[in-house]
Amino acid sequence: MTTNPTPTRATGIGSWPGTSAREAVRSVRDLLVDADGLGLPYLPETPARGPGADMIGRAAGLLVDLPVDLQPSGWRLVGRPGRDAARTAAFRREDLDELAEAYEAYAGPLKVQVCGPWTLAATLELTRGERVVSDPGAVADLVASLAEGVADHVGDVRRLVPGAEVVLQLDEPSLPAVLEGSLPTASGYGRVRAVDRQVVAAGLRDVLAAHDGPTVVHSCHPRAPLPLLRSVGAGALALDLVDASATRWESVAATLESGVGVVAGVLATDGGTDDARAHDLLRRALERTGLVAEEASGLDVSPACGLAGLAPEAARTVTRGSLDLARRLADAATTRG
């Protein structure tokens, strides 16, 4: 059997602790750039800065011709942009300015994360207070607007870091709730009707199609529907696999065998899994499915989820663990070869 032609890389899901965009961007760069070619750096999110730096606010700020405002109940579509939209735009400019300075003359892959259309639709409110996902027409407008905003965002990153091969990641933690019809209505007495799987898949395809480069769909939910996600055209799926069942690992193996990559989140963000244990978990789980981890084409590794809830040094430690795991896999692949 031949060795993996593309060595396993280490990356992060997206969020980073602290309130300094500069510190976050440079920490990720210092950890993942020039890491023997095994690091996939990314533009980190720092939600501790407040509303507009969070996942929903950031994505809402990318929407074209759909202004949002922050209400006591959450982010809501409004008639005209206000102070909250201005703050969100300022955070985005700060992030991009720091990215441009930190990655001057950089050439290589660079990941950016955006909240996916279904998690955004499940969280944003219509003007009357119901979730956007409850209105098919509003969902269609949201998907089209987000796709346009994503294209603009990727274009800005490419302009500021001309040597970057931009990787687009869509984050969809609420996708299972959308499919299962488990989201509460505004009153709290009912549930929003489940969205048809084909409609969900089409919405994901539309936003992914806004980017002409590598793509990832991330969902850390244990019931994230891998067969559906394999069908939407993403280059890879990013998954929390720390406590995955044998059945889940079978679906992971089917994903790799279908030609869709997997970013395996096998390092716990609570410090409970080091790189040696994660390597053992990954190797044993895939061997039970008939795959050899070191030779599985399209396999990358990451922490199980975002790192915003950790202290900065703990976030760096988990990221180093991901890199050490990638090195273990690369070394084992070389030995097997």
Protein backbone atom coordinates (compact mmCIF):
# COMPACT_ATOMS: atom_id res chain seq x y z
CA MET A 1 0.00 0.00 0.00
CA THR A 2 1.34 3.45 -0.86
CA THR A 3 1.75 6.24 1.62
CA ASN A 4 -0.57 9.21 1.75
CA PRO A 5 0.51 11.57 -1.10
CA THR A 6 -0.69 14.59 0.88
CA PRO A 7 0.61 14.59 4.46
CA THR A 8 -1.90 15.10 7.24
CA ARG A 9 -2.12 18.73 8.31
CA ALA A 10 -3.03 20.27 11.65
CA THR A 11 -5.43 23.18 11.91
CA GLY A 12 -7.96 24.75 14.26
CA ILE A 13 -11.71 25.07 14.10
CA GLY A 14 -11.66 28.86 14.27
CA SER A 15 -12.18 30.59 17.61
CA TRP A 16 -9.38 31.83 19.86
CA PRO A 17 -9.38 33.24 23.41
CA GLY A 18 -8.86 36.85 24.40
CA THR A 19 -9.93 40.23 23.10
CA SER A 20 -6.91 41.11 20.98
CA ALA A 21 -7.25 40.39 17.26
CA ARG A 22 -3.53 41.03 16.82
CA GLU A 23 -2.50 38.51 19.46
CA ALA A 24 -4.89 35.90 18.08
CA VAL A 25 -3.80 36.29 14.46
CA ARG A 26 -0.11 36.20 15.33
CA SER A 27 -0.46 33.28 17.74
CA VAL A 28 -2.10 31.15 15.06
CA ARG A 29 0.47 32.24 12.47
CA ASP A 30 3.42 31.49 14.74
CA LEU A 31 2.06 28.04 15.56
CA LEU A 32 0.90 26.86 12.14
CA VAL A 33 3.02 28.63 9.50
CA ASP A 34 6.30 26.94 8.59
CA ALA A 35 5.45 23.97 10.80
CA ASP A 36 7.28 21.54 8.49
CA GLY A 37 4.47 22.07 6.02
CA LEU A 38 2.03 20.35 8.39
CA GLY A 39 0.09 23.41 9.53
CA LEU A 40 -3.03 24.93 7.98
CA PRO A 41 -3.23 28.47 9.42
CA TYR A 42 -6.53 30.29 9.73
CA LEU A 43 -8.02 33.69 10.48
CA PRO A 44 -9.06 33.28 14.12
CA GLU A 45 -12.33 34.54 15.58
CA THR A 46 -12.20 36.27 18.98
CA PRO A 47 -15.78 36.30 20.28
CA ALA A 48 -14.70 37.65 23.68
CA ARG A 49 -14.55 41.09 22.06
CA GLY A 50 -18.34 41.16 22.28
CA PRO A 51 -21.40 41.27 19.99
CA GLY A 52 -20.37 41.43 16.36
CA ALA A 53 -17.26 39.33 17.00
CA ASP A 54 -19.37 36.25 17.70
CA MET A 55 -20.06 33.63 15.02
CA ILE A 56 -23.60 34.84 14.25
CA GLY A 57 -22.76 38.53 14.32
CA ARG A 58 -19.73 38.07 12.07
CA ALA A 59 -21.74 36.20 9.44
CA ALA A 60 -24.67 38.59 9.71
CA GLY A 61 -22.22 41.40 8.99
CA LEU A 62 -21.34 39.74 5.67
CA LEU A 63 -24.95 39.72 4.44
CA VAL A 64 -25.55 41.92 1.40
CA ASP A 65 -28.66 44.16 1.51
CA LEU A 66 -29.97 42.38 4.64
CA PRO A 67 -29.04 44.63 7.59
CA VAL A 68 -29.17 43.28 11.12
CA ASP A 69 -29.36 44.75 14.61
CA LEU A 70 -28.88 43.28 18.06
CA GLN A 71 -32.10 42.97 20.08
CA PRO A 72 -32.49 41.66 23.66
CA SER A 73 -33.47 38.29 22.14
CA GLY A 74 -30.56 38.18 19.67
CA TRP A 75 -29.62 39.30 16.17
CA ARG A 76 -32.58 40.43 14.03
CA LEU A 77 -33.12 41.54 10.44
CA VAL A 78 -34.01 45.24 10.34
CA GLY A 79 -34.85 47.92 7.80
CA ARG A 80 -31.58 49.81 7.95
CA PRO A 81 -28.14 49.24 9.48
CA GLY A 82 -27.40 50.85 12.84
CA ARG A 83 -24.77 51.00 15.54
CA ASP A 84 -24.47 47.22 15.93
CA ALA A 85 -23.80 46.77 12.21
CA ALA A 86 -21.14 49.47 12.38
CA ARG A 87 -19.42 47.72 15.30
CA THR A 88 -19.49 44.39 13.46
CA ALA A 89 -17.96 46.01 10.37
CA ALA A 90 -15.23 47.60 12.51
CA PHE A 91 -14.32 44.21 14.00
CA ARG A 92 -14.07 42.73 10.51
CA ARG A 93 -11.82 45.56 9.30
CA GLU A 94 -9.59 45.08 12.33
CA ASP A 95 -9.31 41.35 11.66
CA LEU A 96 -8.40 41.88 8.01
CA ASP A 97 -5.88 44.61 8.84
CA GLU A 98 -4.14 42.33 11.32
CA LEU A 99 -4.24 39.47 8.82
CA ALA A 100 -2.65 41.59 6.08
CA GLU A 101 0.18 42.71 8.36
CA ALA A 102 0.87 39.29 9.88
CA TYR A 103 0.79 37.44 6.55
CA GLU A 104 2.74 39.90 4.41
CA ALA A 105 4.58 37.94 1.70
CA TYR A 106 2.95 34.69 2.85
CA ALA A 107 2.19 32.06 0.22
CA GLY A 108 0.19 28.97 1.07
CA PRO A 109 -3.17 27.78 2.38
CA LEU A 110 -5.15 30.08 4.67
CA LYS A 111 -8.53 29.13 6.14
CA VAL A 112 -11.41 31.48 6.89
CA GLN A 113 -14.54 30.47 8.80
CA VAL A 114 -18.10 31.69 8.23
CA CYS A 115 -21.30 30.60 9.95
CA GLY A 116 -23.24 28.44 7.51
CA PRO A 117 -26.65 29.39 6.11
CA TRP A 118 -28.72 26.99 8.24
CA THR A 119 -27.19 27.87 11.59
CA LEU A 120 -27.51 31.53 10.64
CA ALA A 121 -31.16 31.07 9.59
CA ALA A 122 -31.83 29.11 12.79
CA THR A 123 -30.50 31.95 14.94
CA LEU A 124 -31.34 35.21 13.15
CA GLU A 125 -34.81 36.62 13.74
CA LEU A 126 -37.28 38.14 11.32
CA THR A 127 -38.64 41.59 12.13
CA ARG A 128 -41.63 40.01 13.92
CA GLY A 129 -39.37 37.87 16.13
CA GLU A 130 -39.68 34.42 14.54
CA ARG A 131 -36.60 32.60 13.32
CA VAL A 132 -35.63 33.17 9.69
CA VAL A 133 -35.62 29.41 9.15
CA SER A 134 -39.41 29.38 9.67
CA ASP A 135 -39.97 31.39 6.44
CA PRO A 136 -38.82 29.66 3.19
CA GLY A 137 -38.78 32.94 1.26
CA ALA A 138 -36.63 34.62 3.90
CA VAL A 139 -34.31 31.62 3.91
CA ALA A 140 -33.84 31.87 0.13
CA ASP A 141 -32.99 35.57 0.47
CA LEU A 142 -30.57 34.81 3.30
CA VAL A 143 -28.78 32.07 1.35
CA ALA A 144 -28.32 34.31 -1.69
CA SER A 145 -27.17 37.24 0.45
CA LEU A 146 -24.70 35.12 2.43
CA ALA A 147 -23.27 33.59 -0.75
CA GLU A 148 -22.60 37.08 -2.10
CA GLY A 149 -21.10 38.20 1.19
CA VAL A 150 -18.85 35.15 1.36
CA ALA A 151 -17.55 35.86 -2.14
CA ASP A 152 -16.79 39.45 -1.13
CA HIS A 153 -15.05 38.32 2.06
CA VAL A 154 -12.86 35.79 0.26
CA GLY A 155 -12.06 38.46 -2.32
CA ASP A 156 -10.88 40.81 0.44
CA VAL A 157 -8.65 38.11 1.95
CA ARG A 158 -7.13 37.34 -1.45
CA ARG A 159 -6.49 41.02 -2.10
CA LEU A 160 -4.79 41.53 1.26
CA VAL A 161 -2.80 38.26 1.17
CA PRO A 162 -2.19 37.70 -2.56
CA GLY A 163 -0.22 34.50 -2.02
CA ALA A 164 -2.95 32.80 -0.01
CA GLU A 165 -4.87 29.78 -1.22
CA VAL A 166 -8.07 30.56 0.66
CA VAL A 167 -9.89 27.62 2.26
CA LEU A 168 -13.54 28.40 3.11
CA GLN A 169 -15.07 26.69 6.16
CA LEU A 170 -18.82 26.84 6.84
CA ASP A 171 -19.77 26.26 10.49
CA GLU A 172 -23.09 24.44 10.99
CA PRO A 173 -23.59 23.48 14.66
CA SER A 174 -27.39 23.93 14.41
CA LEU A 175 -27.85 21.79 11.31
CA PRO A 176 -29.26 18.71 13.14
CA ALA A 177 -31.86 20.88 14.93
CA VAL A 178 -32.95 22.34 11.58
CA LEU A 179 -33.35 18.87 10.08
CA GLU A 180 -35.05 17.40 13.13
CA GLY A 181 -37.50 20.26 13.73
CA SER A 182 -36.33 20.73 17.31
CA LEU A 183 -35.87 24.53 17.29
CA PRO A 184 -38.37 26.32 19.55
CA THR A 185 -40.65 28.99 18.11
CA ALA A 186 -40.52 32.57 19.40
CA SER A 187 -43.30 31.82 21.89
CA GLY A 188 -41.47 28.80 23.22
CA TYR A 189 -44.64 26.70 23.03
CA GLY A 190 -43.99 25.08 19.67
CA ARG A 191 -41.26 23.89 17.36
CA VAL A 192 -40.17 25.23 13.98
CA ARG A 193 -41.06 22.77 11.26
CA ALA A 194 -38.19 20.57 10.06
CA VAL A 195 -36.60 21.64 6.78
CA ASP A 196 -36.46 19.08 3.97
CA ARG A 197 -33.03 17.50 3.53
CA GLN A 198 -32.88 18.37 -0.15
CA VAL A 199 -33.58 22.03 0.62
CA VAL A 200 -30.86 21.99 3.27
CA ALA A 201 -28.38 20.42 0.86
CA ALA A 202 -29.23 22.96 -1.86
CA GLY A 203 -28.64 25.88 0.52
CA LEU A 204 -25.24 24.56 1.51
CA ARG A 205 -24.30 23.99 -2.12
CA ASP A 206 -25.25 27.55 -3.05
CA VAL A 207 -23.02 29.10 -0.40
CA LEU A 208 -20.11 26.72 -1.04
CA ALA A 209 -20.35 27.55 -4.76
CA ALA A 210 -19.54 31.17 -3.95
CA HIS A 211 -15.93 30.07 -3.44
CA ASP A 212 -13.81 28.60 -6.24
CA GLY A 213 -11.20 27.10 -3.92
CA PRO A 214 -11.03 24.40 -1.22
CA THR A 215 -14.02 24.14 1.12
CA VAL A 216 -14.85 22.55 4.48
CA VAL A 217 -18.15 22.10 6.30
CA HIS A 218 -17.78 21.92 10.07
CA SER A 219 -20.32 20.55 12.53
CA CYS A 220 -19.31 19.48 16.01
CA HIS A 221 -22.77 18.06 16.74
CA PRO A 222 -22.67 14.28 17.36
CA ARG A 223 -25.67 13.84 15.03
CA ALA A 224 -24.27 15.86 12.15
CA PRO A 225 -25.62 14.03 9.05
CA LEU A 226 -22.50 12.84 7.26
CA PRO A 227 -24.25 11.29 4.22
CA LEU A 228 -26.02 14.58 3.54
CA LEU A 229 -22.86 16.62 4.09
CA ARG A 230 -20.88 14.36 1.76
CA SER A 231 -23.37 15.23 -0.98
CA VAL A 232 -23.06 19.03 -0.95
CA GLY A 233 -19.73 19.35 -2.74
CA ALA A 234 -17.47 20.30 0.17
CA GLY A 235 -13.88 19.19 -0.08
CA ALA A 236 -13.81 18.09 3.56
CA LEU A 237 -15.92 17.71 6.69
CA ALA A 238 -14.63 18.86 10.09
CA LEU A 239 -16.01 16.76 12.96
CA ASP A 240 -15.73 16.32 16.72
CA LEU A 241 -14.62 12.69 17.05
CA VAL A 242 -13.28 12.55 20.61
CA ASP A 243 -16.18 10.42 21.85
CA ALA A 244 -17.39 9.10 18.49
CA SER A 245 -19.11 5.71 18.39
CA ALA A 246 -18.01 2.82 16.20
CA THR A 247 -20.93 3.58 13.88
CA ARG A 248 -19.75 7.18 13.58
CA TRP A 249 -16.24 6.02 12.66
CA GLU A 250 -17.73 3.78 9.96
CA SER A 251 -19.35 6.88 8.47
CA VAL A 252 -16.04 8.75 8.75
CA ALA A 253 -14.34 5.95 6.84
CA ALA A 254 -17.07 6.04 4.19
CA THR A 255 -16.49 9.78 3.87
CA LEU A 256 -12.75 9.32 3.27
CA GLU A 257 -13.36 6.48 0.83
CA SER A 258 -15.81 8.66 -1.12
CA GLY A 259 -13.05 11.20 -1.78
CA VAL A 260 -14.29 13.78 0.74
CA GLY A 261 -11.64 14.75 3.26
CA VAL A 262 -12.07 14.69 7.03
CA VAL A 263 -10.67 17.11 9.60
CA ALA A 264 -10.69 14.80 12.59
CA GLY A 265 -11.27 16.66 15.85
CA VAL A 266 -9.58 14.15 18.13
CA LEU A 267 -7.91 16.44 20.66
CA ALA A 268 -10.24 17.44 23.48
CA THR A 269 -10.28 21.14 24.28
CA ASP A 270 -10.34 20.46 28.04
CA GLY A 271 -6.77 19.21 27.99
CA GLY A 272 -7.90 15.63 28.49
CA THR A 273 -6.34 14.25 25.29
CA ASP A 274 -2.67 14.61 24.35
CA ASP A 275 -1.26 13.86 20.92
CA ALA A 276 -0.16 10.33 21.83
CA ARG A 277 -3.64 9.38 23.07
CA ALA A 278 -5.26 11.10 20.08
CA HIS A 279 -2.99 9.16 17.72
CA ASP A 280 -3.96 5.91 19.40
CA LEU A 281 -7.67 6.82 19.25
CA LEU A 282 -7.48 7.74 15.57
CA ARG A 283 -5.38 4.74 14.56
CA ARG A 284 -7.48 2.18 16.41
CA ALA A 285 -10.81 3.66 15.28
CA LEU A 286 -9.87 3.69 11.61
CA GLU A 287 -8.23 0.26 11.74
CA ARG A 288 -11.56 -1.16 12.93
CA THR A 289 -13.09 0.18 9.71
CA GLY A 290 -10.34 -1.28 7.52
CA LEU A 291 -8.38 1.95 7.02
CA VAL A 292 -4.85 2.82 8.08
CA ALA A 293 -4.78 6.32 9.57
CA GLU A 294 -1.29 7.09 8.28
CA GLU A 295 -2.32 6.22 4.72
CA ALA A 296 -5.83 7.69 4.64
CA SER A 297 -5.86 10.27 1.87
CA GLY A 298 -7.61 13.50 2.81
CA LEU A 299 -7.22 13.16 6.58
CA ASP A 300 -6.32 16.25 8.63
CA VAL A 301 -6.47 16.77 12.40
CA SER A 302 -7.64 19.49 14.77
CA PRO A 303 -8.96 20.18 18.25
CA ALA A 304 -12.50 18.89 18.76
CA CYS A 305 -13.98 22.38 18.66
CA GLY A 306 -13.08 26.06 18.97
CA LEU A 307 -10.63 27.31 21.58
CA ALA A 308 -12.29 30.55 22.71
CA GLY A 309 -13.19 29.12 26.12
CA LEU A 310 -9.59 28.34 27.04
CA ALA A 311 -6.80 30.48 28.43
CA PRO A 312 -4.40 31.61 25.67
CA GLU A 313 -1.59 29.27 26.77
CA ALA A 314 -4.00 26.34 26.92
CA ALA A 315 -5.16 27.16 23.38
CA ARG A 316 -1.53 27.14 22.24
CA THR A 317 -0.96 23.82 24.00
CA VAL A 318 -3.92 22.15 22.27
CA THR A 319 -2.79 23.54 18.91
CA ARG A 320 0.73 22.20 19.46
CA GLY A 321 -0.85 18.86 20.28
CA SER A 322 -2.58 18.88 16.90
CA LEU A 323 0.73 19.59 15.20
CA ASP A 324 2.48 16.83 17.14
CA LEU A 325 -0.28 14.42 16.09
CA ALA A 326 0.17 15.41 12.44
CA ARG A 327 3.91 14.75 12.81
CA ARG A 328 3.26 11.32 14.33
CA LEU A 329 1.08 10.42 11.36
CA ALA A 330 3.62 11.77 8.87
CA ASP A 331 6.48 9.89 10.55
CA ALA A 332 4.46 6.66 10.62
CA ALA A 333 3.57 7.06 6.95
CA THR A 334 7.24 7.50 6.09
CA THR A 335 8.15 4.39 8.07
CA ARG A 336 5.45 2.34 6.36
CA GLY A 337 6.64 3.59 2.98
